[in-house]
């Protein structure tokens, strides 16, 4: 457990001062009570825009795991904004990338999503980490297990005869399928 806790993507010095009980709905309900508090939030970038003095990143929040990476992007408790001083390249901080940010709550900002008003919590970043989304693993179907040798040594093991043996037909990639019968 200690090894896993030490593998966060956010530095140890910043994690010491974080309050993990603060969530987006709590800040939206009472923003003045949480100004100046430090949090670690993560999610998926929706958009990023450069202005004269700062860059604003809109993020769809997602729950984080023990390493402070996104567990699942299918759950969310809302959206938040990151207001970074200076210039951040929007080609790097682009849509659909995963992001983890440790930051200070500056308050809230009222903006529209479509035609609805939405209260965005606003963060000043202390540390930002971005990641490419993890790709799903693709598994190929396996041939029937009876054609594999056993995982233990058996001197009396004998594989029954099969008419489409791979040694008899080495060029046929589908040798494990049974032959069609008339």
N, C-alpha and C. Protein backbone atom coordinates (compact mmCIF):
# COMPACT_ATOMS: atom_id res chain seq x y z
N UNK A 1 0.82 -1.19 0.00
CA UNK A 1 0.00 0.00 0.00
C UNK A 1 0.87 1.25 0.00
N UNK A 2 1.96 1.24 0.71
CA UNK A 2 2.85 2.39 0.74
C UNK A 2 3.48 2.64 -0.62
N UNK A 3 3.78 1.56 -1.33
CA UNK A 3 4.38 1.70 -2.66
C UNK A 3 3.40 2.36 -3.62
N UNK A 4 2.14 1.94 -3.57
CA UNK A 4 1.14 2.51 -4.46
C UNK A 4 0.89 3.98 -4.14
N UNK A 5 0.83 4.31 -2.86
CA UNK A 5 0.57 5.69 -2.47
C UNK A 5 1.70 6.62 -2.89
N UNK A 6 2.91 6.10 -3.03
CA UNK A 6 4.04 6.91 -3.43
C UNK A 6 4.17 7.11 -4.92
N UNK A 7 3.28 6.56 -5.71
CA UNK A 7 3.39 6.62 -7.16
C UNK A 7 2.42 7.60 -7.79
N UNK A 8 2.04 8.64 -7.11
CA UNK A 8 1.11 9.61 -7.64
C UNK A 8 1.78 10.44 -8.73
N UNK A 9 0.97 10.96 -9.64
CA UNK A 9 1.49 11.82 -10.70
C UNK A 9 1.71 13.25 -10.21
N UNK A 10 1.20 13.57 -9.03
CA UNK A 10 1.38 14.89 -8.42
C UNK A 10 2.47 14.77 -7.36
N UNK A 11 3.30 15.81 -7.24
CA UNK A 11 4.44 15.75 -6.32
C UNK A 11 4.01 15.63 -4.87
N UNK A 12 4.88 15.04 -4.09
CA UNK A 12 4.60 14.76 -2.67
C UNK A 12 4.39 16.03 -1.86
N UNK A 13 5.15 17.07 -2.14
CA UNK A 13 5.03 18.32 -1.39
C UNK A 13 3.64 18.95 -1.56
N UNK A 14 3.12 18.88 -2.75
CA UNK A 14 1.79 19.45 -3.01
C UNK A 14 0.71 18.58 -2.38
N UNK A 15 0.86 17.25 -2.46
CA UNK A 15 -0.16 16.34 -1.93
C UNK A 15 -0.34 16.48 -0.42
N UNK A 16 0.67 16.95 0.29
CA UNK A 16 0.57 17.10 1.75
C UNK A 16 -0.47 18.16 2.14
N UNK A 17 -0.66 19.15 1.30
CA UNK A 17 -1.54 20.28 1.62
C UNK A 17 -2.94 20.15 1.01
N UNK A 18 -3.23 19.04 0.36
CA UNK A 18 -4.48 18.87 -0.38
C UNK A 18 -5.61 18.43 0.55
N UNK A 19 -6.80 18.95 0.30
CA UNK A 19 -8.00 18.50 0.99
C UNK A 19 -8.83 17.70 -0.02
N UNK A 20 -8.84 16.38 0.10
CA UNK A 20 -9.51 15.51 -0.87
C UNK A 20 -11.02 15.42 -0.64
N UNK A 21 -11.53 16.02 0.42
CA UNK A 21 -12.97 15.97 0.66
C UNK A 21 -13.73 17.03 -0.13
N UNK A 22 -13.03 17.99 -0.71
CA UNK A 22 -13.68 19.07 -1.46
C UNK A 22 -13.99 18.58 -2.87
N UNK A 23 -15.26 18.64 -3.23
CA UNK A 23 -15.70 18.21 -4.57
C UNK A 23 -16.33 19.39 -5.30
N UNK A 24 -16.61 19.19 -6.58
CA UNK A 24 -17.19 20.25 -7.40
C UNK A 24 -18.56 20.69 -6.89
N UNK A 25 -19.49 19.76 -6.58
CA UNK A 25 -20.80 20.23 -6.09
C UNK A 25 -20.71 21.02 -4.78
N UNK A 26 -19.77 20.67 -3.91
CA UNK A 26 -19.60 21.41 -2.65
C UNK A 26 -19.15 22.84 -2.94
N UNK A 27 -18.21 23.01 -3.87
CA UNK A 27 -17.71 24.34 -4.21
C UNK A 27 -18.80 25.16 -4.91
N UNK A 28 -19.60 24.50 -5.76
CA UNK A 28 -20.68 25.21 -6.45
C UNK A 28 -21.73 25.71 -5.47
N UNK A 29 -21.98 24.94 -4.41
CA UNK A 29 -23.00 25.32 -3.43
C UNK A 29 -22.55 26.48 -2.54
N UNK A 30 -21.27 26.52 -2.17
CA UNK A 30 -20.77 27.56 -1.26
C UNK A 30 -19.35 27.95 -1.68
N UNK A 31 -19.19 28.72 -2.76
CA UNK A 31 -17.85 29.00 -3.28
C UNK A 31 -16.97 29.84 -2.35
N UNK A 32 -17.54 30.76 -1.61
CA UNK A 32 -16.74 31.65 -0.77
C UNK A 32 -16.04 30.91 0.37
N UNK A 33 -16.61 29.81 0.83
CA UNK A 33 -16.02 29.06 1.94
C UNK A 33 -14.77 28.30 1.52
N UNK A 34 -14.58 28.06 0.22
CA UNK A 34 -13.46 27.22 -0.23
C UNK A 34 -12.40 27.99 -1.02
N UNK A 35 -12.50 29.29 -1.09
CA UNK A 35 -11.48 30.07 -1.80
C UNK A 35 -10.15 29.94 -1.07
N UNK A 36 -9.11 29.62 -1.81
CA UNK A 36 -7.77 29.44 -1.23
C UNK A 36 -7.44 28.02 -0.84
N UNK A 37 -8.41 27.10 -0.87
CA UNK A 37 -8.16 25.69 -0.54
C UNK A 37 -7.48 25.00 -1.71
N UNK A 38 -6.65 24.00 -1.41
CA UNK A 38 -5.94 23.26 -2.44
C UNK A 38 -6.61 21.91 -2.67
N UNK A 39 -6.79 21.57 -3.94
CA UNK A 39 -7.45 20.32 -4.33
C UNK A 39 -6.68 19.64 -5.46
N UNK A 40 -6.97 18.36 -5.65
CA UNK A 40 -6.51 17.63 -6.83
C UNK A 40 -7.76 17.12 -7.53
N UNK A 41 -7.98 17.59 -8.73
CA UNK A 41 -9.10 17.15 -9.55
C UNK A 41 -8.55 16.69 -10.90
N UNK A 42 -9.29 15.83 -11.53
CA UNK A 42 -8.89 15.35 -12.85
C UNK A 42 -10.09 15.13 -13.73
N UNK A 43 -9.83 14.90 -15.00
CA UNK A 43 -10.92 14.65 -15.93
C UNK A 43 -10.43 14.65 -17.36
N UNK A 44 -11.34 14.95 -18.25
CA UNK A 44 -11.08 14.97 -19.69
C UNK A 44 -11.24 16.40 -20.19
N UNK A 45 -10.27 16.88 -20.95
CA UNK A 45 -10.32 18.25 -21.47
C UNK A 45 -11.43 18.38 -22.49
N UNK A 46 -12.28 19.38 -22.30
CA UNK A 46 -13.35 19.69 -23.25
C UNK A 46 -12.87 20.73 -24.26
N UNK A 47 -12.23 21.79 -23.74
CA UNK A 47 -11.69 22.82 -24.64
C UNK A 47 -10.60 23.59 -23.91
N UNK A 48 -9.79 24.29 -24.68
CA UNK A 48 -8.76 25.17 -24.11
C UNK A 48 -8.64 26.39 -25.02
N UNK A 49 -8.50 27.57 -24.37
CA UNK A 49 -8.45 28.83 -25.11
C UNK A 49 -7.34 29.70 -24.55
N UNK A 50 -6.61 30.37 -25.44
CA UNK A 50 -5.58 31.31 -25.04
C UNK A 50 -6.13 32.72 -25.06
N UNK A 51 -5.80 33.48 -24.03
CA UNK A 51 -6.12 34.90 -23.94
C UNK A 51 -4.81 35.67 -23.82
N UNK A 52 -4.88 37.00 -23.68
CA UNK A 52 -3.65 37.80 -23.62
C UNK A 52 -2.74 37.41 -22.46
N UNK A 53 -3.32 37.20 -21.28
CA UNK A 53 -2.50 36.98 -20.09
C UNK A 53 -2.61 35.59 -19.50
N UNK A 54 -3.54 34.76 -20.01
CA UNK A 54 -3.70 33.44 -19.42
C UNK A 54 -4.28 32.46 -20.43
N UNK A 55 -4.34 31.22 -20.02
CA UNK A 55 -4.97 30.15 -20.80
C UNK A 55 -6.04 29.54 -19.92
N UNK A 56 -7.22 29.34 -20.49
CA UNK A 56 -8.33 28.73 -19.75
C UNK A 56 -8.63 27.37 -20.34
N UNK A 57 -8.67 26.34 -19.47
CA UNK A 57 -8.95 24.97 -19.88
C UNK A 57 -10.25 24.54 -19.22
N UNK A 58 -11.20 24.07 -20.00
CA UNK A 58 -12.46 23.54 -19.48
C UNK A 58 -12.34 22.03 -19.39
N UNK A 59 -12.67 21.48 -18.22
CA UNK A 59 -12.46 20.05 -17.95
C UNK A 59 -13.75 19.42 -17.46
N UNK A 60 -14.08 18.24 -17.99
CA UNK A 60 -15.17 17.42 -17.47
C UNK A 60 -14.57 16.51 -16.41
N UNK A 61 -14.96 16.71 -15.16
CA UNK A 61 -14.37 16.00 -14.03
C UNK A 61 -14.64 14.51 -14.12
N UNK A 62 -13.68 13.70 -13.65
CA UNK A 62 -13.82 12.25 -13.54
C UNK A 62 -13.13 11.80 -12.25
N UNK A 63 -13.59 10.70 -11.65
CA UNK A 63 -12.96 10.24 -10.41
C UNK A 63 -11.52 9.78 -10.65
N UNK A 64 -10.67 9.96 -9.63
CA UNK A 64 -9.25 9.60 -9.73
C UNK A 64 -8.96 8.34 -8.93
N UNK A 65 -7.93 7.61 -9.35
CA UNK A 65 -7.50 6.43 -8.61
C UNK A 65 -6.41 6.81 -7.61
N UNK A 66 -5.73 5.84 -7.02
CA UNK A 66 -4.70 6.11 -6.03
C UNK A 66 -3.49 6.83 -6.61
N UNK A 67 -3.27 6.69 -7.90
CA UNK A 67 -2.14 7.37 -8.56
C UNK A 67 -2.54 8.74 -9.08
N UNK A 68 -3.77 9.17 -8.80
CA UNK A 68 -4.31 10.44 -9.27
C UNK A 68 -4.44 10.48 -10.79
N UNK A 69 -4.77 9.34 -11.37
CA UNK A 69 -5.14 9.25 -12.79
C UNK A 69 -6.61 8.91 -12.86
N UNK A 70 -7.22 9.13 -13.99
CA UNK A 70 -8.65 8.90 -14.15
C UNK A 70 -8.96 7.41 -14.05
N UNK A 71 -9.97 7.08 -13.21
CA UNK A 71 -10.47 5.71 -13.12
C UNK A 71 -11.38 5.40 -14.29
N UNK A 72 -12.38 6.23 -14.46
CA UNK A 72 -13.38 6.02 -15.50
C UNK A 72 -13.90 7.37 -15.97
N UNK A 73 -13.96 7.54 -17.27
CA UNK A 73 -14.49 8.80 -17.79
C UNK A 73 -16.00 8.74 -17.98
N UNK A 74 -16.63 7.63 -17.52
CA UNK A 74 -18.08 7.49 -17.63
C UNK A 74 -18.82 8.12 -16.46
N UNK A 75 -18.10 8.55 -15.43
CA UNK A 75 -18.70 9.18 -14.26
C UNK A 75 -18.17 10.59 -14.14
N UNK A 76 -19.02 11.49 -13.65
CA UNK A 76 -18.59 12.87 -13.47
C UNK A 76 -19.48 13.55 -12.46
N UNK A 77 -18.89 14.49 -11.71
CA UNK A 77 -19.71 15.30 -10.80
C UNK A 77 -19.76 16.75 -11.29
N UNK A 78 -19.36 16.99 -12.52
CA UNK A 78 -19.47 18.33 -13.07
C UNK A 78 -18.27 18.75 -13.90
N UNK A 79 -18.20 20.04 -14.14
CA UNK A 79 -17.11 20.63 -14.92
C UNK A 79 -16.40 21.67 -14.08
N UNK A 80 -15.15 21.94 -14.43
CA UNK A 80 -14.40 23.01 -13.78
C UNK A 80 -13.47 23.66 -14.79
N UNK A 81 -12.98 24.85 -14.44
CA UNK A 81 -12.07 25.60 -15.29
C UNK A 81 -10.70 25.71 -14.63
N UNK A 82 -9.66 25.65 -15.44
CA UNK A 82 -8.30 25.89 -14.99
C UNK A 82 -7.86 27.20 -15.63
N UNK A 83 -7.43 28.16 -14.81
CA UNK A 83 -6.96 29.44 -15.32
C UNK A 83 -5.45 29.51 -15.06
N UNK A 84 -4.67 29.20 -16.09
CA UNK A 84 -3.22 29.15 -15.97
C UNK A 84 -2.63 30.48 -16.45
N UNK A 85 -1.78 31.07 -15.64
CA UNK A 85 -1.11 32.32 -16.02
C UNK A 85 -0.14 32.03 -17.15
N UNK A 86 -0.05 32.95 -18.09
CA UNK A 86 0.88 32.78 -19.21
C UNK A 86 0.26 31.96 -20.33
N UNK A 87 1.13 31.47 -21.19
CA UNK A 87 0.71 30.78 -22.40
C UNK A 87 0.90 29.28 -22.26
N UNK A 88 -0.15 28.52 -22.50
CA UNK A 88 -0.08 27.06 -22.62
C UNK A 88 -0.52 26.72 -24.04
N UNK A 89 0.22 25.87 -24.70
CA UNK A 89 -0.08 25.54 -26.09
C UNK A 89 -1.34 24.69 -26.17
N UNK A 90 -2.34 25.19 -26.89
CA UNK A 90 -3.61 24.48 -27.00
C UNK A 90 -3.49 23.23 -27.87
N UNK A 91 -2.40 23.08 -28.60
CA UNK A 91 -2.17 21.84 -29.35
C UNK A 91 -1.78 20.70 -28.41
N UNK A 92 -1.18 21.04 -27.27
CA UNK A 92 -0.84 20.03 -26.27
C UNK A 92 -2.04 19.78 -25.35
N UNK A 93 -2.68 20.84 -24.89
CA UNK A 93 -3.84 20.74 -24.01
C UNK A 93 -5.10 20.72 -24.87
N UNK A 94 -5.23 19.68 -25.67
CA UNK A 94 -6.33 19.63 -26.63
C UNK A 94 -7.46 18.72 -26.14
N UNK A 95 -8.56 18.79 -26.84
CA UNK A 95 -9.77 18.07 -26.49
C UNK A 95 -9.52 16.57 -26.40
N UNK A 96 -10.18 15.91 -25.45
CA UNK A 96 -10.18 14.46 -25.21
C UNK A 96 -8.91 13.94 -24.54
N UNK A 97 -7.98 14.79 -24.16
CA UNK A 97 -6.83 14.33 -23.38
C UNK A 97 -7.22 14.28 -21.91
N UNK A 98 -6.63 13.34 -21.19
CA UNK A 98 -6.87 13.25 -19.76
C UNK A 98 -5.95 14.22 -19.03
N UNK A 99 -6.45 14.81 -17.95
CA UNK A 99 -5.69 15.81 -17.22
C UNK A 99 -5.88 15.60 -15.72
N UNK A 100 -4.81 15.82 -14.98
CA UNK A 100 -4.86 15.87 -13.52
C UNK A 100 -4.22 17.18 -13.11
N UNK A 101 -4.90 17.93 -12.24
CA UNK A 101 -4.39 19.23 -11.82
C UNK A 101 -4.47 19.35 -10.31
N UNK A 102 -3.39 19.84 -9.73
CA UNK A 102 -3.39 20.25 -8.32
C UNK A 102 -3.44 21.76 -8.35
N UNK A 103 -4.45 22.33 -7.66
CA UNK A 103 -4.59 23.77 -7.76
C UNK A 103 -5.28 24.39 -6.57
N UNK A 104 -5.32 25.72 -6.61
CA UNK A 104 -5.95 26.53 -5.57
C UNK A 104 -7.27 27.03 -6.11
N UNK A 105 -8.33 26.90 -5.31
CA UNK A 105 -9.65 27.36 -5.73
C UNK A 105 -9.69 28.88 -5.68
N UNK A 106 -10.00 29.51 -6.82
CA UNK A 106 -10.08 30.96 -6.92
C UNK A 106 -11.50 31.47 -6.74
N UNK A 107 -12.47 30.60 -6.84
CA UNK A 107 -13.87 30.99 -6.76
C UNK A 107 -14.65 30.26 -7.82
N UNK A 108 -15.68 30.92 -8.36
CA UNK A 108 -16.50 30.32 -9.41
C UNK A 108 -16.69 31.34 -10.54
N UNK A 109 -17.11 30.82 -11.68
CA UNK A 109 -17.41 31.66 -12.84
C UNK A 109 -18.69 31.14 -13.47
N UNK A 110 -19.61 32.03 -13.79
CA UNK A 110 -20.87 31.66 -14.42
C UNK A 110 -20.71 31.76 -15.93
N UNK A 111 -20.93 30.62 -16.61
CA UNK A 111 -20.88 30.58 -18.07
C UNK A 111 -22.03 29.75 -18.57
N UNK A 112 -22.24 29.78 -19.86
CA UNK A 112 -23.33 29.01 -20.46
C UNK A 112 -22.80 27.71 -21.06
N UNK A 113 -23.60 26.65 -20.89
CA UNK A 113 -23.41 25.40 -21.62
C UNK A 113 -24.66 25.26 -22.47
N UNK A 114 -24.50 25.51 -23.76
CA UNK A 114 -25.68 25.58 -24.61
C UNK A 114 -26.47 26.83 -24.24
N UNK A 115 -27.69 26.66 -23.76
CA UNK A 115 -28.50 27.79 -23.33
C UNK A 115 -28.65 27.84 -21.82
N UNK A 116 -28.08 26.87 -21.12
CA UNK A 116 -28.20 26.82 -19.66
C UNK A 116 -27.01 27.50 -18.99
N UNK A 117 -27.27 28.16 -17.86
CA UNK A 117 -26.20 28.75 -17.06
C UNK A 117 -25.57 27.66 -16.20
N UNK A 118 -24.24 27.71 -16.08
CA UNK A 118 -23.53 26.70 -15.28
C UNK A 118 -22.48 27.42 -14.44
N UNK A 119 -22.34 27.00 -13.19
CA UNK A 119 -21.35 27.58 -12.28
C UNK A 119 -20.11 26.70 -12.32
N UNK A 120 -19.03 27.26 -12.85
CA UNK A 120 -17.76 26.54 -12.96
C UNK A 120 -16.87 26.90 -11.77
N UNK A 121 -16.38 25.92 -11.00
CA UNK A 121 -15.30 26.23 -10.06
C UNK A 121 -14.05 26.59 -10.85
N UNK A 122 -13.30 27.56 -10.36
CA UNK A 122 -12.12 28.08 -11.06
C UNK A 122 -10.87 27.74 -10.26
N UNK A 123 -9.89 27.10 -10.90
CA UNK A 123 -8.64 26.70 -10.24
C UNK A 123 -7.45 27.44 -10.81
N UNK A 124 -6.53 27.80 -9.93
CA UNK A 124 -5.22 28.28 -10.34
C UNK A 124 -4.28 27.09 -10.18
N UNK A 125 -3.66 26.60 -11.26
CA UNK A 125 -2.89 25.36 -11.17
C UNK A 125 -1.55 25.54 -10.44
N UNK A 126 -1.24 24.56 -9.61
CA UNK A 126 0.09 24.44 -9.02
C UNK A 126 0.92 23.44 -9.82
N UNK A 127 0.26 22.37 -10.26
CA UNK A 127 0.92 21.35 -11.08
C UNK A 127 -0.13 20.72 -11.98
N UNK A 128 0.23 20.56 -13.26
CA UNK A 128 -0.68 19.96 -14.24
C UNK A 128 0.03 18.78 -14.90
N UNK A 129 -0.72 17.69 -15.05
CA UNK A 129 -0.23 16.52 -15.80
C UNK A 129 -1.28 16.15 -16.83
N UNK A 130 -0.86 15.93 -18.07
CA UNK A 130 -1.79 15.49 -19.11
C UNK A 130 -1.35 14.13 -19.63
N UNK A 131 -2.32 13.35 -20.08
CA UNK A 131 -2.07 11.99 -20.55
C UNK A 131 -2.92 11.72 -21.78
N UNK A 132 -2.43 10.84 -22.63
CA UNK A 132 -3.26 10.34 -23.71
C UNK A 132 -4.22 9.32 -23.10
N UNK A 133 -5.44 9.25 -23.58
CA UNK A 133 -6.38 8.26 -23.03
C UNK A 133 -5.83 6.85 -23.22
N UNK A 134 -6.08 5.99 -22.23
CA UNK A 134 -5.63 4.61 -22.32
C UNK A 134 -6.45 3.88 -23.36
N UNK A 135 -5.79 3.10 -24.19
CA UNK A 135 -6.49 2.36 -25.24
C UNK A 135 -7.00 1.05 -24.67
N UNK A 136 -8.15 0.64 -25.17
CA UNK A 136 -8.70 -0.64 -24.73
C UNK A 136 -7.91 -1.76 -25.37
N UNK A 137 -7.70 -2.83 -24.61
CA UNK A 137 -6.96 -3.98 -25.09
C UNK A 137 -7.86 -4.81 -25.99
N UNK A 138 -7.32 -5.20 -27.14
CA UNK A 138 -8.07 -6.02 -28.08
C UNK A 138 -7.58 -7.46 -27.95
N UNK A 139 -8.50 -8.37 -27.72
CA UNK A 139 -8.14 -9.78 -27.55
C UNK A 139 -8.62 -10.58 -28.76
N UNK A 140 -7.76 -11.45 -29.24
CA UNK A 140 -8.11 -12.34 -30.33
C UNK A 140 -8.71 -13.62 -29.75
N UNK A 141 -9.67 -14.23 -30.44
CA UNK A 141 -10.20 -15.50 -29.94
C UNK A 141 -9.15 -16.59 -30.02
N UNK A 142 -9.14 -17.44 -29.02
CA UNK A 142 -8.17 -18.52 -28.97
C UNK A 142 -8.77 -19.79 -29.54
N UNK A 143 -7.93 -20.65 -30.09
CA UNK A 143 -8.43 -21.94 -30.54
C UNK A 143 -8.83 -22.79 -29.34
N UNK A 144 -9.56 -23.87 -29.56
CA UNK A 144 -9.97 -24.71 -28.43
C UNK A 144 -8.78 -25.19 -27.61
N UNK A 145 -8.97 -25.26 -26.30
CA UNK A 145 -7.88 -25.62 -25.40
C UNK A 145 -7.41 -27.05 -25.60
N UNK A 146 -8.23 -27.90 -26.18
CA UNK A 146 -7.83 -29.30 -26.30
C UNK A 146 -6.65 -29.49 -27.24
N UNK A 147 -6.33 -28.50 -28.05
CA UNK A 147 -5.22 -28.64 -29.00
C UNK A 147 -3.91 -28.09 -28.46
N UNK A 148 -3.92 -27.62 -27.24
CA UNK A 148 -2.68 -27.18 -26.61
C UNK A 148 -2.15 -28.29 -25.73
N UNK A 149 -0.84 -28.40 -25.63
CA UNK A 149 -0.30 -29.41 -24.70
C UNK A 149 -0.63 -29.00 -23.26
N UNK A 150 -0.64 -29.94 -22.35
CA UNK A 150 -0.97 -29.60 -20.97
C UNK A 150 0.12 -28.72 -20.35
N UNK A 151 -0.24 -28.02 -19.28
CA UNK A 151 0.71 -27.13 -18.62
C UNK A 151 1.61 -27.87 -17.63
N UNK A 152 1.43 -29.13 -17.50
CA UNK A 152 2.28 -29.93 -16.64
C UNK A 152 2.85 -31.07 -17.47
N UNK A 153 3.90 -31.67 -17.00
CA UNK A 153 4.53 -32.75 -17.74
C UNK A 153 3.80 -34.06 -17.42
N UNK A 154 3.35 -34.73 -18.45
CA UNK A 154 2.68 -36.02 -18.30
C UNK A 154 3.30 -36.97 -19.31
N UNK A 155 4.06 -37.95 -18.84
CA UNK A 155 4.73 -38.85 -19.79
C UNK A 155 3.74 -39.71 -20.59
N UNK A 156 2.50 -39.85 -20.12
CA UNK A 156 1.52 -40.68 -20.82
C UNK A 156 0.53 -39.86 -21.64
N UNK A 157 0.84 -38.54 -21.79
CA UNK A 157 -0.08 -37.69 -22.54
C UNK A 157 -0.04 -38.08 -24.01
N UNK A 158 -1.20 -38.23 -24.59
CA UNK A 158 -1.31 -38.52 -26.01
C UNK A 158 -2.41 -37.65 -26.59
N UNK A 159 -2.06 -36.89 -27.62
CA UNK A 159 -3.06 -36.04 -28.25
C UNK A 159 -3.80 -36.85 -29.29
N UNK A 160 -5.13 -36.83 -29.23
CA UNK A 160 -5.88 -37.62 -30.22
C UNK A 160 -5.69 -37.08 -31.62
N UNK A 161 -5.88 -37.95 -32.58
CA UNK A 161 -5.71 -37.58 -33.97
C UNK A 161 -6.79 -36.58 -34.38
N UNK A 162 -6.38 -35.57 -35.10
CA UNK A 162 -7.31 -34.59 -35.63
C UNK A 162 -6.99 -34.41 -37.10
N UNK A 163 -7.99 -34.47 -37.99
CA UNK A 163 -7.67 -34.47 -39.43
C UNK A 163 -7.03 -33.17 -39.92
N UNK A 164 -7.25 -32.07 -39.22
CA UNK A 164 -6.64 -30.82 -39.65
C UNK A 164 -5.54 -30.43 -38.68
N UNK A 165 -4.56 -31.24 -38.57
CA UNK A 165 -3.42 -31.01 -37.69
C UNK A 165 -2.55 -29.90 -38.28
N UNK A 166 -2.05 -28.95 -37.46
CA UNK A 166 -1.24 -27.87 -38.03
C UNK A 166 0.06 -28.36 -38.65
N UNK A 167 0.54 -29.53 -38.22
CA UNK A 167 1.76 -30.05 -38.82
C UNK A 167 1.50 -30.64 -40.21
N UNK A 168 0.27 -31.10 -40.41
CA UNK A 168 -0.08 -31.63 -41.73
C UNK A 168 -0.45 -30.52 -42.71
N UNK A 169 -1.05 -29.42 -42.18
CA UNK A 169 -1.48 -28.30 -43.01
C UNK A 169 -0.89 -26.99 -42.44
N UNK A 170 0.39 -26.75 -42.62
CA UNK A 170 1.01 -25.57 -41.98
C UNK A 170 0.58 -24.23 -42.58
N UNK A 171 0.07 -24.22 -43.81
CA UNK A 171 -0.30 -22.95 -44.44
C UNK A 171 -1.73 -22.52 -44.12
N UNK A 172 -2.50 -23.36 -43.47
CA UNK A 172 -3.89 -23.05 -43.18
C UNK A 172 -3.99 -22.37 -41.82
N UNK A 173 -4.32 -21.04 -41.77
CA UNK A 173 -4.37 -20.35 -40.48
C UNK A 173 -5.58 -20.74 -39.64
N UNK A 174 -6.58 -21.38 -40.26
CA UNK A 174 -7.78 -21.77 -39.51
C UNK A 174 -7.86 -23.28 -39.34
N UNK A 175 -6.75 -23.88 -39.00
CA UNK A 175 -6.69 -25.33 -38.91
C UNK A 175 -7.53 -25.88 -37.76
N UNK A 176 -7.89 -25.06 -36.77
CA UNK A 176 -8.63 -25.59 -35.63
C UNK A 176 -10.14 -25.67 -35.87
N UNK A 177 -10.64 -25.10 -36.99
CA UNK A 177 -12.06 -25.19 -37.28
C UNK A 177 -12.36 -26.57 -37.86
N UNK A 178 -13.47 -27.18 -37.48
CA UNK A 178 -13.77 -28.50 -38.02
C UNK A 178 -14.14 -28.41 -39.51
N UNK A 179 -13.85 -29.45 -40.24
CA UNK A 179 -14.14 -29.42 -41.68
C UNK A 179 -15.64 -29.48 -41.92
N UNK A 180 -16.10 -28.88 -43.01
CA UNK A 180 -17.53 -28.97 -43.31
C UNK A 180 -17.88 -30.38 -43.80
N UNK A 181 -18.96 -30.90 -43.29
CA UNK A 181 -19.40 -32.24 -43.71
C UNK A 181 -20.62 -32.12 -44.60
N UNK A 182 -20.68 -32.94 -45.67
CA UNK A 182 -21.83 -32.86 -46.58
C UNK A 182 -23.10 -33.39 -45.96
